[in-house]
Amino acid sequence: QLQASGGGLVQAGDSLRLTCTASGRIFGAYVMGWFRQAPGQKREFVAAIRWSDGYTDHRDSVKGRFTISRDNAKKTVYLQMNTLKPEDTAVYYCAAGSVRYIRVQSQYDYWGQGTLVTVSS
């Protein structure tokens, strides 16, 4: 019910836009989030947006570089990633859920398949 795309191999300083399209009942009261997992690391919160009012949250290390946005009509969430750094290399997952604590991944009910972002130096 979540389809993520847009990953790829880029150089440091480049930009990418990730897309996550929801199907079925994943909209409305839900929060949509992006998480990432680097090799050998735990999965971590990146950004999230609330469908109802567009409230957003971004982890500190991506503030000013990444922006999460939504298109309600298309049931799609985007993660615009600018000025990419090698440390942004990871598999990026989109997730959705009736979330109270927006950064806590265990609160998300639905997960996409992940899309790999590789940033070379």
C-alpha atoms as a PDB file:
ATOM      1  CA  GLN A   1       0.000   0.000   0.000  1.00  0.00           C
ATOM      2  CA  LEU A   2       3.061   2.246   0.029  1.00  0.00           C
ATOM      3  CA  GLN A   3       5.259   2.521  -3.015  1.00  0.00           C
ATOM      4  CA  ALA A   4       8.572   4.342  -2.643  1.00  0.00           C
ATOM      5  CA  SER A   5      10.778   5.403  -5.528  1.00  0.00           C
ATOM      6  CA  GLY A   6      13.384   7.933  -6.587  1.00  0.00           C
ATOM      7  CA  GLY A   7      16.583   6.594  -5.104  1.00  0.00           C
ATOM      8  CA  GLY A   8      19.822   6.364  -7.022  1.00  0.00           C
ATOM      9  CA  LEU A   9      23.555   7.010  -7.147  1.00  0.00           C
ATOM     10  CA  VAL A  10      24.564  10.657  -6.961  1.00  0.00           C
ATOM     11  CA  GLN A  11      27.592  12.718  -6.062  1.00  0.00           C
ATOM     12  CA  ALA A  12      27.962  14.808  -2.948  1.00  0.00           C
ATOM     13  CA  GLY A  13      26.167  18.111  -3.371  1.00  0.00           C
ATOM     14  CA  ASP A  14      23.582  16.717  -5.766  1.00  0.00           C
ATOM     15  CA  SER A  15      19.837  16.491  -5.222  1.00  0.00           C
ATOM     16  CA  LEU A  16      17.262  13.723  -5.346  1.00  0.00           C
ATOM     17  CA  ARG A  17      13.530  13.611  -4.798  1.00  0.00           C
ATOM     18  CA  LEU A  18      11.991  10.546  -3.244  1.00  0.00           C
ATOM     19  CA  THR A  19       8.337   9.754  -3.843  1.00  0.00           C
ATOM     20  CA  CYS A  20       5.962   7.651  -1.786  1.00  0.00           C
ATOM     21  CA  THR A  21       2.516   6.923  -3.127  1.00  0.00           C
ATOM     22  CA  ALA A  22      -0.182   5.559  -0.859  1.00  0.00           C
ATOM     23  CA  SER A  23      -3.053   3.367  -1.903  1.00  0.00           C
ATOM     24  CA  GLY A  24      -6.050   2.062  -0.091  1.00  0.00           C
ATOM     25  CA  ARG A  25      -6.959   3.658   3.203  1.00  0.00           C
ATOM     26  CA  ILE A  26      -3.652   5.333   3.953  1.00  0.00           C
ATOM     27  CA  PHE A  27      -4.608   8.992   3.975  1.00  0.00           C
ATOM     28  CA  GLY A  28      -6.688  11.367   6.013  1.00  0.00           C
ATOM     29  CA  ALA A  29      -5.823  11.059   9.670  1.00  0.00           C
ATOM     30  CA  TYR A  30      -2.458   9.474   9.023  1.00  0.00           C
ATOM     31  CA  VAL A  31       1.086  10.699   9.392  1.00  0.00           C
ATOM     32  CA  MET A  32       3.488   9.864   6.583  1.00  0.00           C
ATOM     33  CA  GLY A  33       7.141   9.518   7.425  1.00  0.00           C
ATOM     34  CA  TRP A  34      10.530   8.819   5.907  1.00  0.00           C
ATOM     35  CA  PHE A  35      13.074   6.716   7.723  1.00  0.00           C
ATOM     36  CA  ARG A  36      16.486   5.533   6.614  1.00  0.00           C
ATOM     37  CA  GLN A  37      18.870   2.732   7.421  1.00  0.00           C
ATOM     38  CA  ALA A  38      22.547   2.993   6.600  1.00  0.00           C
ATOM     39  CA  PRO A  39      24.701  -0.142   6.322  1.00  0.00           C
ATOM     40  CA  GLY A  40      25.326  -1.560   9.760  1.00  0.00           C
ATOM     41  CA  GLN A  41      23.171   1.066  11.427  1.00  0.00           C
ATOM     42  CA  LYS A  42      19.742   1.147  12.999  1.00  0.00           C
ATOM     43  CA  ARG A  43      16.874   2.625  11.072  1.00  0.00           C
ATOM     44  CA  GLU A  44      16.344   6.262  11.976  1.00  0.00           C
ATOM     45  CA  PHE A  45      13.731   8.937  11.571  1.00  0.00           C
ATOM     46  CA  VAL A  46      14.287  11.448   8.771  1.00  0.00           C
ATOM     47  CA  ALA A  47      11.105  13.477   8.315  1.00  0.00           C
ATOM     48  CA  ALA A  48       7.351  13.243   8.621  1.00  0.00           C
ATOM     49  CA  ILE A  49       4.234  15.125   7.604  1.00  0.00           C
ATOM     50  CA  ARG A  50       0.669  15.053   8.841  1.00  0.00           C
ATOM     51  CA  TRP A  51      -1.894  14.625   6.105  1.00  0.00           C
ATOM     52  CA  SER A  52      -4.563  16.732   7.792  1.00  0.00           C
ATOM     53  CA  ASP A  53      -2.753  20.014   8.321  1.00  0.00           C
ATOM     54  CA  GLY A  54       0.655  19.629   6.699  1.00  0.00           C
ATOM     55  CA  TYR A  55       2.589  19.821   9.967  1.00  0.00           C
ATOM     56  CA  THR A  56       6.173  18.668   9.355  1.00  0.00           C
ATOM     57  CA  ASP A  57       9.130  17.493  11.390  1.00  0.00           C
ATOM     58  CA  HIS A  58      12.705  16.891  10.228  1.00  0.00           C
ATOM     59  CA  ARG A  59      15.677  15.452  12.047  1.00  0.00           C
ATOM     60  CA  ASP A  60      18.319  18.029  12.857  1.00  0.00           C
ATOM     61  CA  SER A  61      20.975  16.659  10.509  1.00  0.00           C
ATOM     62  CA  VAL A  62      18.764  17.192   7.446  1.00  0.00           C
ATOM     63  CA  LYS A  63      17.129  20.497   8.365  1.00  0.00           C
ATOM     64  CA  GLY A  64      17.799  23.056   5.673  1.00  0.00           C
ATOM     65  CA  ARG A  65      18.681  20.334   3.159  1.00  0.00           C
ATOM     66  CA  PHE A  66      15.689  17.968   3.082  1.00  0.00           C
ATOM     67  CA  THR A  67      12.047  18.964   2.789  1.00  0.00           C
ATOM     68  CA  ILE A  68       9.037  16.715   3.122  1.00  0.00           C
ATOM     69  CA  SER A  69       5.833  17.691   1.337  1.00  0.00           C
ATOM     70  CA  ARG A  70       2.575  16.134   0.240  1.00  0.00           C
ATOM     71  CA  ASP A  71       0.068  16.131  -2.585  1.00  0.00           C
ATOM     72  CA  ASN A  72      -3.233  15.129  -1.090  1.00  0.00           C
ATOM     73  CA  ALA A  73      -4.965  14.633  -4.429  1.00  0.00           C
ATOM     74  CA  LYS A  74      -2.284  12.183  -5.530  1.00  0.00           C
ATOM     75  CA  LYS A  75      -1.907  10.599  -2.059  1.00  0.00           C
ATOM     76  CA  THR A  76       1.798  11.150  -2.502  1.00  0.00           C
ATOM     77  CA  VAL A  77       4.537  12.317  -0.184  1.00  0.00           C
ATOM     78  CA  TYR A  78       7.837  13.676  -1.401  1.00  0.00           C
ATOM     79  CA  LEU A  79      11.230  14.010   0.212  1.00  0.00           C
ATOM     80  CA  GLN A  80      13.287  16.604  -1.587  1.00  0.00           C
ATOM     81  CA  MET A  81      16.914  16.048  -0.698  1.00  0.00           C
ATOM     82  CA  ASN A  82      19.403  18.769  -1.565  1.00  0.00           C
ATOM     83  CA  THR A  83      23.102  19.125  -0.891  1.00  0.00           C
ATOM     84  CA  LEU A  84      23.408  15.408  -0.322  1.00  0.00           C
ATOM     85  CA  LYS A  85      26.322  14.131   1.721  1.00  0.00           C
ATOM     86  CA  PRO A  86      27.976  10.701   1.794  1.00  0.00           C
ATOM     87  CA  GLU A  87      26.517  10.174   5.267  1.00  0.00           C
ATOM     88  CA  ASP A  88      23.034  10.366   3.732  1.00  0.00           C
ATOM     89  CA  THR A  89      23.725   7.034   2.030  1.00  0.00           C
ATOM     90  CA  ALA A  90      21.037   4.601   3.163  1.00  0.00           C
ATOM     91  CA  VAL A  91      17.936   2.716   2.215  1.00  0.00           C
ATOM     92  CA  TYR A  92      15.052   5.127   2.618  1.00  0.00           C
ATOM     93  CA  TYR A  93      11.656   3.817   3.713  1.00  0.00           C
ATOM     94  CA  CYS A  94       8.336   5.560   3.722  1.00  0.00           C
ATOM     95  CA  ALA A  95       5.839   4.714   6.409  1.00  0.00           C
ATOM     96  CA  ALA A  96       2.332   5.624   7.478  1.00  0.00           C
ATOM     97  CA  GLY A  97       0.262   5.332  10.590  1.00  0.00           C
ATOM     98  CA  SER A  98      -2.051   6.878  13.129  1.00  0.00           C
ATOM     99  CA  VAL A  99       0.947   8.239  14.937  1.00  0.00           C
ATOM    100  CA  ARG A 100       1.060  10.073  18.220  1.00  0.00           C
ATOM    101  CA  TYR A 101       4.837  10.346  18.513  1.00  0.00           C
ATOM    102  CA  ILE A 102       5.925  11.298  15.060  1.00  0.00           C
ATOM    103  CA  ARG A 103       9.547  10.171  15.355  1.00  0.00           C
ATOM    104  CA  VAL A 104       8.847   6.738  16.856  1.00  0.00           C
ATOM    105  CA  GLN A 105       8.956   4.171  14.060  1.00  0.00           C
ATOM    106  CA  SER A 106       7.153   1.483  16.051  1.00  0.00           C
ATOM    107  CA  GLN A 107       4.025   3.637  15.828  1.00  0.00           C
ATOM    108  CA  TYR A 108       3.856   3.387  12.064  1.00  0.00           C
ATOM    109  CA  ASP A 109       1.575   0.664  10.732  1.00  0.00           C
ATOM    110  CA  TYR A 110       2.494   0.547   7.067  1.00  0.00           C
ATOM    111  CA  TRP A 111       5.908   0.452   5.411  1.00  0.00           C
ATOM    112  CA  GLY A 112       7.083   0.705   1.845  1.00  0.00           C
ATOM    113  CA  GLN A 113       9.764  -1.485   0.336  1.00  0.00           C
ATOM    114  CA  GLY A 114      12.620   1.018   0.576  1.00  0.00           C
ATOM    115  CA  THR A 115      14.647   2.820  -2.038  1.00  0.00           C
ATOM    116  CA  LEU A 116      18.445   3.002  -2.002  1.00  0.00           C
ATOM    117  CA  VAL A 117      20.207   6.345  -1.999  1.00  0.00           C
ATOM    118  CA  THR A 118      23.967   6.263  -2.523  1.00  0.00           C
ATOM    119  CA  VAL A 119      25.984   9.456  -2.280  1.00  0.00           C
ATOM    120  CA  SER A 120      29.577   9.306  -3.461  1.00  0.00           C
ATOM    121  CA  SER A 121      32.226  11.729  -2.269  1.00  0.00           C
END
